[in-house]
Structure formats: C-alpha cells, structure tokens
Protein backbone atom coordinates (compact mmCIF):
# COMPACT_ATOMS: atom_id res chain seq x y z
CA MET A 1 -29.96 -14.88 8.19
CA ILE A 2 -29.20 -11.26 7.12
CA ALA A 3 -26.65 -12.37 4.51
CA VAL A 4 -29.21 -15.18 3.16
CA MET A 5 -32.09 -12.72 2.76
CA ALA A 6 -29.84 -9.89 1.27
CA SER A 7 -28.31 -12.34 -1.19
CA GLU A 8 -31.68 -13.06 -2.78
CA GLY A 9 -31.31 -10.18 -5.13
CA LEU A 10 -28.09 -11.54 -6.48
CA ALA A 11 -29.65 -15.07 -6.92
CA HIS A 12 -32.55 -13.66 -9.14
CA ASP A 13 -30.02 -11.59 -11.31
CA LEU A 14 -28.31 -15.00 -11.86
CA LEU A 15 -31.50 -16.64 -12.82
CA ARG A 16 -31.88 -13.88 -15.51
CA LEU A 17 -28.43 -14.34 -16.76
CA PHE A 18 -28.53 -18.05 -16.96
CA PRO A 19 -31.64 -19.43 -18.76
CA ALA A 20 -30.96 -22.86 -17.70
CA LEU A 21 -31.31 -21.79 -13.99
CA ASP A 22 -34.32 -19.65 -14.74
CA GLU A 23 -36.10 -22.76 -16.12
CA MET A 24 -35.37 -24.51 -13.01
CA SER A 25 -36.59 -21.41 -10.66
CA PRO A 26 -40.03 -22.79 -9.86
CA TRP A 27 -38.33 -25.70 -8.09
CA LEU A 28 -35.88 -23.41 -6.12
CA SER A 29 -37.11 -22.07 -2.87
CA VAL A 30 -36.32 -18.61 -1.70
CA PRO A 31 -33.96 -19.78 1.05
CA LEU A 32 -32.30 -22.04 -1.54
CA LEU A 33 -31.80 -18.97 -3.73
CA GLY A 34 -30.31 -17.07 -0.76
CA LEU A 35 -28.10 -19.89 0.04
CA LEU A 36 -26.89 -19.72 -3.59
CA GLY A 37 -25.98 -16.14 -3.16
CA CYS A 38 -24.03 -16.61 0.15
CA ALA A 39 -22.09 -19.56 -1.54
CA LEU A 40 -21.15 -17.33 -4.47
CA VAL A 41 -19.75 -14.56 -2.03
CA THR A 42 -17.94 -17.08 0.06
CA GLY A 43 -16.41 -18.70 -3.03
CA TRP A 44 -15.30 -15.39 -4.35
CA ILE A 45 -13.78 -14.48 -0.96
CA THR A 46 -11.85 -17.75 -0.66
CA VAL A 47 -10.53 -17.56 -4.35
CA PHE A 48 -9.48 -13.99 -4.04
CA ALA A 49 -7.67 -14.62 -0.74
CA LEU A 50 -5.87 -17.66 -2.23
CA PHE A 51 -4.61 -15.42 -5.22
CA ALA A 52 -3.76 -12.41 -2.99
CA ILE A 53 -1.54 -14.32 -0.39
CA TRP A 54 0.30 -15.71 -3.73
CA LEU A 55 0.27 -12.34 -5.34
CA GLU A 56 1.82 -10.67 -2.13
CA ARG A 57 4.51 -13.37 -1.85
CA LYS A 58 5.64 -12.81 -5.38
CA VAL A 59 5.53 -9.04 -5.13
CA ALA A 60 7.55 -9.18 -1.92
CA GLY A 61 10.03 -11.52 -3.70
CA HIS A 62 10.60 -9.23 -6.55
CA ILE A 63 10.90 -6.12 -4.44
CA GLN A 64 13.58 -7.97 -2.39
CA CYS A 65 15.30 -9.21 -5.55
CA ARG A 66 14.14 -12.85 -5.34
CA LEU A 67 11.40 -15.00 -6.86
CA GLY A 68 9.02 -15.83 -4.31
CA PRO A 69 7.40 -19.23 -4.01
CA MET A 70 8.30 -21.29 -7.35
CA GLU A 71 8.18 -25.00 -6.46
CA VAL A 72 4.44 -25.90 -5.87
CA GLY A 73 2.67 -25.55 -9.12
CA PRO A 74 3.66 -23.21 -12.05
CA HIS A 75 5.37 -20.20 -10.61
CA GLY A 76 4.12 -21.48 -7.18
CA LEU A 77 0.40 -20.71 -7.84
CA LEU A 78 -0.45 -23.78 -5.57
CA GLN A 79 1.69 -22.81 -2.79
CA THR A 80 -1.20 -20.95 -0.96
CA VAL A 81 -3.46 -24.28 -1.52
CA ALA A 82 -0.62 -26.25 0.00
CA ASP A 83 -0.35 -23.97 2.99
CA GLY A 84 -4.04 -24.17 3.39
CA ILE A 85 -4.13 -27.89 3.50
CA LYS A 86 -1.28 -27.70 6.25
CA LEU A 87 -3.27 -25.33 8.27
CA MET A 88 -6.37 -27.55 8.12
CA ALA A 89 -4.18 -30.66 9.14
CA LYS A 90 -2.92 -28.82 12.25
CA GLU A 91 -4.23 -29.41 15.90
CA ASP A 92 -6.75 -26.83 17.02
CA VAL A 93 -5.29 -25.44 20.37
CA ILE A 94 -7.18 -23.67 22.76
CA PRO A 95 -4.93 -22.31 25.76
CA ARG A 96 -6.01 -23.88 29.02
CA SER A 97 -6.47 -20.24 30.70
CA ALA A 98 -8.27 -18.75 27.73
CA ASP A 99 -12.12 -17.67 27.62
CA ARG A 100 -13.22 -20.61 25.63
CA ILE A 101 -16.45 -19.13 24.33
CA LEU A 102 -14.87 -15.79 23.23
CA PHE A 103 -11.82 -17.52 21.84
CA ILE A 104 -14.02 -19.61 19.57
CA VAL A 105 -16.53 -16.89 18.50
CA ALA A 106 -13.83 -14.08 17.89
CA PRO A 107 -12.72 -15.10 14.35
CA VAL A 108 -16.34 -16.02 13.48
CA VAL A 109 -17.25 -12.27 14.38
CA VAL A 110 -14.42 -10.84 12.36
CA PHE A 111 -15.16 -12.96 9.30
CA THR A 112 -18.95 -12.41 9.49
CA ALA A 113 -18.50 -8.57 9.66
CA THR A 114 -16.32 -8.79 6.46
CA PHE A 115 -18.71 -11.16 4.69
CA LEU A 116 -21.74 -8.96 5.25
CA LEU A 117 -20.02 -5.81 3.82
CA PHE A 118 -19.82 -7.63 0.47
CA VAL A 119 -23.75 -7.49 0.54
CA VAL A 120 -23.69 -3.85 -0.93
CA LEU A 121 -20.50 -3.97 -3.08
CA PRO A 122 -21.69 -3.85 -6.66
CA PHE A 123 -19.68 -5.41 -9.34
CA ASP A 124 -22.28 -4.48 -12.01
CA LYS A 125 -25.62 -2.91 -12.03
CA HIS A 126 -26.80 -6.61 -12.31
CA VAL A 127 -24.25 -8.09 -10.14
CA VAL A 128 -24.81 -7.15 -6.55
CA VAL A 129 -26.21 -8.94 -3.64
CA ALA A 130 -28.47 -6.13 -2.40
CA ASP A 131 -28.73 -2.65 -3.62
CA LEU A 132 -29.55 -0.86 -0.42
CA ASN A 133 -30.37 2.85 -0.70
CA ILE A 134 -28.50 3.26 2.53
CA GLY A 135 -25.47 1.48 1.33
CA VAL A 136 -22.74 3.68 2.53
CA PHE A 137 -24.37 3.97 6.01
CA TYR A 138 -24.59 0.12 6.24
CA LEU A 139 -20.89 -0.02 5.27
CA ALA A 140 -19.92 2.28 7.93
CA ALA A 141 -22.10 0.50 10.59
CA ILE A 142 -21.10 -3.05 9.88
CA ALA A 143 -17.34 -2.22 9.30
CA SER A 144 -17.10 -1.25 12.90
CA LEU A 145 -18.01 -4.87 14.08
CA GLU A 146 -14.59 -6.29 13.11
CA VAL A 147 -12.83 -4.35 15.89
CA ILE A 148 -14.91 -6.18 18.39
CA GLY A 149 -14.14 -9.31 17.09
CA VAL A 150 -10.36 -8.55 17.30
CA ILE A 151 -10.72 -7.23 20.94
CA MET A 152 -12.63 -10.54 21.74
CA ALA A 153 -9.64 -12.36 20.41
CA GLY A 154 -6.98 -10.56 22.32
CA TRP A 155 -8.83 -10.63 25.64
CA ALA A 156 -9.95 -14.32 25.48
CA SER A 157 -6.43 -15.48 24.57
CA ASN A 158 -5.23 -14.40 28.23
CA ASN A 159 -1.87 -13.44 26.55
CA LYS A 160 -0.30 -10.05 27.28
CA TRP A 161 1.02 -9.88 23.72
CA SER A 162 -2.36 -10.64 22.30
CA LEU A 163 -3.92 -8.16 24.62
CA PHE A 164 -1.52 -5.43 23.63
CA GLY A 165 -2.53 -6.03 20.08
CA ALA A 166 -6.00 -6.04 20.73
CA MET A 167 -5.54 -2.46 22.45
CA ARG A 168 -3.54 -1.10 19.50
CA GLU A 169 -6.40 -2.55 17.20
CA ALA A 170 -8.97 -0.72 19.10
CA THR A 171 -7.13 2.45 19.27
CA GLN A 172 -6.23 2.42 15.51
CA MET A 173 -9.55 1.46 14.08
CA VAL A 174 -11.69 3.58 16.18
CA SER A 175 -9.50 6.61 15.51
CA TYR A 176 -9.33 6.15 11.64
CA GLU A 177 -12.90 5.60 11.33
CA ILE A 178 -13.20 9.40 11.68
CA PRO A 179 -11.28 10.51 8.56
CA LEU A 180 -12.64 7.44 6.63
CA GLY A 181 -16.11 8.63 7.42
CA LEU A 182 -15.50 12.09 6.51
CA ALA A 183 -14.32 11.10 3.16
CA LEU A 184 -17.28 8.85 2.58
CA LEU A 185 -19.52 11.72 3.73
CA SER A 186 -17.75 13.91 1.00
CA VAL A 187 -18.81 11.53 -1.81
CA VAL A 188 -22.49 11.31 -0.41
CA VAL A 189 -22.74 15.16 -0.40
CA VAL A 190 -21.67 15.28 -3.88
CA SER A 191 -23.74 12.40 -5.19
CA GLY A 192 -26.82 13.19 -3.31
CA THR A 193 -27.47 9.30 -2.38
CA LEU A 194 -26.34 6.94 0.18
CA GLY A 195 -26.75 3.89 -2.36
CA PHE A 196 -23.69 2.45 -4.00
CA GLN A 197 -25.72 1.99 -7.33
CA GLY A 198 -26.60 5.68 -7.35
CA ILE A 199 -23.12 6.76 -6.61
CA VAL A 200 -21.86 4.82 -9.44
CA GLU A 201 -24.43 5.96 -11.88
CA THR A 202 -23.40 9.50 -11.05
CA GLN A 203 -20.02 8.80 -12.52
CA SER A 204 -21.35 7.27 -15.70
CA GLY A 205 -19.91 8.73 -19.02
CA TRP A 206 -16.24 9.47 -19.89
CA PHE A 207 -13.61 8.88 -17.34
CA TRP A 208 -13.24 12.51 -16.42
CA ARG A 209 -16.65 12.26 -14.65
CA TRP A 210 -15.36 9.88 -12.03
CA HIS A 211 -15.42 11.44 -8.58
CA VAL A 212 -11.66 11.51 -8.27
CA PHE A 213 -11.53 14.06 -11.17
CA ARG A 214 -14.71 15.77 -10.33
CA SER A 215 -12.88 18.35 -7.88
CA PRO A 216 -9.44 18.83 -6.13
CA PHE A 217 -11.26 18.36 -2.94
CA LEU A 218 -12.76 14.86 -3.87
CA ALA A 219 -9.37 13.73 -5.10
CA LEU A 220 -7.91 14.69 -1.58
CA THR A 221 -10.78 12.63 0.07
CA PHE A 222 -9.67 9.70 -2.07
CA ILE A 223 -6.19 9.80 -0.68
CA ILE A 224 -7.58 10.33 2.69
CA TYR A 225 -9.89 7.32 2.31
CA TYR A 226 -7.08 5.21 1.01
CA ILE A 227 -4.70 5.96 3.94
CA ALA A 228 -7.43 5.38 6.52
CA ALA A 229 -8.22 2.18 4.80
CA LEU A 230 -4.83 0.89 5.04
CA ALA A 231 -5.07 1.50 8.85
CA GLU A 232 -8.31 -0.23 9.05
CA CYS A 233 -6.84 -3.36 7.18
CA LYS A 234 -4.08 -3.25 9.55
CA ARG A 235 -1.53 -2.94 6.66
CA ALA A 236 1.89 -1.78 6.83
CA PRO A 237 3.00 0.95 7.75
CA PHE A 238 -0.10 0.64 10.10
CA ASP A 239 0.35 -2.97 11.28
CA LEU A 240 0.94 -2.41 14.78
CA PRO A 241 -1.82 -4.67 16.04
CA GLU A 242 0.22 -7.69 14.53
CA ALA A 243 3.68 -6.35 14.72
CA GLU A 244 5.60 -9.75 14.48
CA SER A 245 8.88 -8.18 15.76
CA GLU A 246 7.13 -6.61 19.00
CA LEU A 247 3.91 -8.77 19.75
CA VAL A 248 4.61 -12.01 18.16
CA SER A 249 1.62 -11.49 15.58
CA GLY A 250 -0.47 -9.70 18.36
CA PHE A 251 -4.21 -10.48 18.94
CA HIS A 252 -4.07 -13.89 17.07
CA THR A 253 -0.83 -15.20 18.56
CA GLU A 254 -2.69 -18.01 20.39
CA TYR A 255 -4.60 -19.02 17.44
CA SER A 256 -3.75 -22.00 15.10
CA SER A 257 -5.34 -24.28 12.49
CA MET A 258 -8.50 -22.96 10.93
CA ARG A 259 -9.16 -20.36 13.45
CA PHE A 260 -5.94 -18.60 12.39
CA SER A 261 -6.71 -19.20 8.75
CA ILE A 262 -10.00 -17.43 9.27
CA PHE A 263 -8.41 -14.42 10.54
CA PHE A 264 -6.13 -14.71 7.43
CA LEU A 265 -9.02 -14.96 5.16
CA ALA A 266 -10.93 -12.08 6.61
CA GLU A 267 -7.81 -9.72 6.29
CA TYR A 268 -7.52 -10.27 2.80
CA ALA A 269 -11.26 -10.13 2.04
CA PHE A 270 -11.20 -6.84 3.75
CA MET A 271 -8.45 -5.57 1.67
CA PHE A 272 -10.39 -6.32 -1.57
CA LEU A 273 -13.39 -4.75 0.03
CA VAL A 274 -12.04 -1.38 0.82
CA CYS A 275 -10.41 -1.19 -2.60
CA GLY A 276 -13.78 -2.08 -4.09
CA VAL A 277 -15.60 0.66 -2.03
CA ALA A 278 -12.82 3.21 -3.33
CA THR A 279 -13.43 2.03 -6.87
CA SER A 280 -17.16 2.56 -6.65
CA LEU A 281 -16.99 5.81 -4.92
CA TRP A 282 -14.19 7.59 -6.58
CA LEU A 283 -13.00 5.57 -9.66
CA GLY A 284 -16.33 4.99 -11.59
CA GLY A 285 -17.01 1.59 -10.25
CA TRP A 286 -18.08 -0.84 -13.15
CA ASN A 287 -17.90 2.04 -15.47
CA THR A 288 -14.94 1.67 -17.94
CA GLY A 289 -14.81 5.41 -18.72
CA ILE A 290 -15.95 4.64 -22.37
CA PRO A 291 -19.54 5.40 -22.89
CA ALA A 292 -19.77 2.93 -25.83
CA LEU A 293 -18.64 0.01 -23.75
CA ASP A 294 -20.58 0.84 -20.59
CA GLY A 295 -23.71 0.82 -22.73
CA LEU A 296 -23.30 -2.91 -24.03
CA THR A 297 -26.08 -5.05 -22.81
CA GLY A 298 -26.20 -8.91 -22.29
CA PRO A 299 -23.49 -11.21 -20.91
CA LEU A 300 -20.93 -9.41 -22.86
CA GLY A 301 -21.71 -5.97 -21.39
CA ILE A 302 -21.89 -7.51 -17.69
CA MET A 303 -18.47 -9.20 -18.31
CA ILE A 304 -16.78 -5.89 -19.39
CA ARG A 305 -18.23 -3.89 -16.72
CA THR A 306 -17.37 -6.55 -14.04
CA SER A 307 -13.75 -6.89 -15.31
CA ALA A 308 -13.51 -3.05 -15.06
CA MET A 309 -14.65 -3.13 -11.34
CA LEU A 310 -12.39 -6.04 -10.71
CA GLY A 311 -9.36 -4.60 -12.52
CA LYS A 312 -9.31 -1.15 -10.76
CA SER A 313 -10.00 -2.82 -7.37
CA MET A 314 -7.10 -5.30 -7.92
CA PHE A 315 -4.85 -2.37 -8.99
CA LEU A 316 -5.63 -0.80 -5.57
CA VAL A 317 -5.00 -4.11 -3.69
CA PHE A 318 -1.44 -4.24 -5.72
CA LEU A 319 -0.85 -0.64 -4.19
CA GLN A 320 -1.40 -1.98 -0.81
CA ILE A 321 0.88 -4.89 -1.22
CA TRP A 322 3.49 -2.52 -2.73
CA ILE A 323 3.36 0.04 0.19
CA ARG A 324 3.73 -2.77 2.78
CA TRP A 325 6.98 -3.91 1.15
CA THR A 326 8.26 -0.50 0.72
CA TYR A 327 7.60 1.57 3.93
CA PRO A 328 8.70 0.72 7.36
CA ARG A 329 6.21 0.32 10.47
CA ILE A 330 5.75 3.65 12.20
CA ARG A 331 5.35 4.15 15.95
CA LEU A 332 1.95 4.10 17.64
CA ASP A 333 2.30 7.95 18.56
CA GLN A 334 2.87 8.66 14.86
CA VAL A 335 -0.16 6.76 13.77
CA MET A 336 -2.33 8.78 16.18
CA TYR A 337 -0.63 12.04 15.10
CA LEU A 338 -1.19 11.27 11.43
CA CYS A 339 -4.91 10.48 12.10
CA LEU A 340 -5.84 13.29 14.64
CA LYS A 341 -3.73 16.28 13.38
CA VAL A 342 -3.37 15.48 9.75
CA LEU A 343 -6.10 13.30 8.28
CA VAL A 344 -8.92 14.65 10.40
CA PRO A 345 -8.34 18.37 9.75
CA PHE A 346 -7.91 17.66 6.09
CA GLY A 347 -10.84 15.57 6.02
CA PHE A 348 -13.14 18.40 7.41
CA ALA A 349 -11.52 20.72 5.04
CA SER A 350 -12.13 18.46 2.02
CA LEU A 351 -15.64 17.87 3.12
CA ILE A 352 -16.51 21.66 3.19
CA GLY A 353 -14.44 22.28 0.13
CA ALA A 354 -16.30 19.54 -1.97
CA THR A 355 -19.64 20.92 -0.80
CA LEU A 356 -18.88 24.39 -1.66
CA TRP A 357 -17.29 23.35 -4.97
CA GLU A 358 -20.53 21.69 -6.05
CA LEU A 359 -22.73 24.69 -4.90
CA ALA A 360 -20.41 26.90 -6.92
CA PHE A 361 -19.64 24.79 -10.11
CA PRO A 362 -22.61 22.27 -10.29
CA GLY A 363 -21.85 19.75 -13.02
CA ARG A 364 -18.56 20.97 -13.82
CA VAL A 365 -15.28 19.03 -13.92
CA TRP A 366 -12.27 21.18 -13.13
CA PHE A 367 -13.98 24.40 -14.32
CA LEU A 368 -14.85 22.81 -17.66
CA GLN A 369 -18.52 22.26 -18.46
CA ILE A 370 -18.71 18.46 -19.72
C-alpha cells in the first residue's frame, strides 16, 4: 500500500511525458496510476538484476582469464534468463522442521524493503516515485528492515548453517549502519536538506560542484559510505553471511525455486540502490557536470540526465563486482575491527570536519571561489 501511494507521483510524471497516456488520464483511477508506478519499478529491478548477474559472470570470467557464459544467446546474454526459467521449474521445498510461516514471509520482507527504497531514488527531477522532504531519513529507516528478513530466514530454516549466517548478517549490518549513517549525515549537514531532490540540486553546475569534490572530508565520507555499503550488500570481502566455503550459502541454504530467486533479485537490486544513493549524494545525481546539457528540457533533456544517473550508478556497480573478484573474504573479527575502530572514528572526524569546512569556506570548492 505504501509503494502504491508513493508511486502516484511517478505515474503523473509519466502522463506529462507521454501525451497519449495524458489523454487517457480521465479514465485512469488513482490506484491504477499507483499500480503503474509499482509495475515500472518492479520491471526495472527485474531487468537490472538479469543484466547485473550476466555482467558479474562476464567480469569474473575475464578476471580469471576465461570468457564466462557464451552459449545461450549472443555472448551469453540469455544465460540468466535460462537460469531464471530453471529456478521457476524447480520444486519449492520447505523443510519439515522449519517454521513454515516465517520461512515463507522472510524473502518477501527482504524484497519489500529493497523495493520500498526505490521510492525516493531520483533518476531525474521528473523521474522519481516520491520526492519526500525526509528522503535520507526514510532511506535509513527502511534499509534496516532487510536485516529482519534475513534473521527470519536463518531462524525459520532450523539449520545451523543458516542460523550462523543470520547471526553474522545481523552483526555485520547493524554495525556498519553506524559509519554509513555518519556518511549520510555529513552530506545532509552540508546540503541543509534531507530530500534527495534538494541534495542533487545543490550539486548543479559544473562537475566540481559535486559533493565528492566539495571538500576533502566529503570525499572521505564517500569512501566510508562505499565500504559500508559493500558490507550492507553482503558483497565480498564482506560476504560472511553467505560464505559458501564455510556456511553452504548461509541464511538461504534451505531455500529453493522462486524463494531463492527472490533473495537473489533483492541482493542485486540493493546493489544498484546503494550505488544510486552514492551517485545522488556525492556524484551529482542526474547532473552531467555540464550546465548546457543539464539545462535541456523536454524528453531529450530527461533522457540525457537519466542516462547520466544510470551511467554513474552502473560504474559503481561495476566496481562492486570488480572488488568481489579481486579481494579475498576477511574474517569476522577483521570485519568488526574495520567498522568499529576504523570507519566509525573516521566517520565522526569527517562529519565534524565537513561541518567546520562549510562554516569556514561557505560556497567554496577546495579554497577556490566558484
């Protein structure tokens, strides 16, 4: 219901962009418009997940001096589709000793938390589901729901490996939310707003107005956020909750068929989400860094700005994949050491430094008045 209500804004933007739909608007009810927005978000998540899984296999293959999937479709583009069909054809098995209700609900909770986060992610000033004036606060609140679904999955499976994975996930995500929150707060302090649209607008103009170039402290908060986001996504070298060599896939060991694919879908959707948030808060969002292009109106301007947002976000996704196939998994004590003794102190220092920098040099970029 929340997603349907919030997606009405995106639907009305679509009516303005496509005159044919606008003529039909008197016959389209408000719930139908909301469902249209939800369908578009769901479609984007599905398409991105299919592409990201293929991309990860290809990147992994080339890093390991092989080709990756090549047989199904041109350059293996349809391999993920074939795997999806195979998963849907598999039997949906629920362990006899599992808590049936929690076992069924857990993947839904994980996916719903990720889905709701796309509500505030702006692809353009006109392509956003809901422009909330507390967007960053909403993001931090809803993102914490995913860990609840993971704990439910691990506990309900009645499997010691699943339970170990859920315990690792709870420890890791709750801990890394602290430096991640400090990084978000640093941007909020400098921007003076909690809304994603407002934060992106403060970075309009030439590319050196982006927050990552605004001060050395904001550049450091970007690094802190990206490392914490890797841990939140359970990506290597922070993939301890899934650790196939130790926990036989961890919290989703007992899942099969569509329930397993829902976890997979939510993971890759969350990868894009955290990269999209990083783009919006530090890399200018939909701004290309060239005022002449950013000022274009109409469908062409929307396409350029949306492409800029997608391009920067996809580059950060590629870095996540690159890191996974480059660095080995670290131990749990090293994960906690990095969080509590490295990222948290640097996060507090960066927050204070970014605030003092803005007070001392308001409107300046690296001591240069722009």
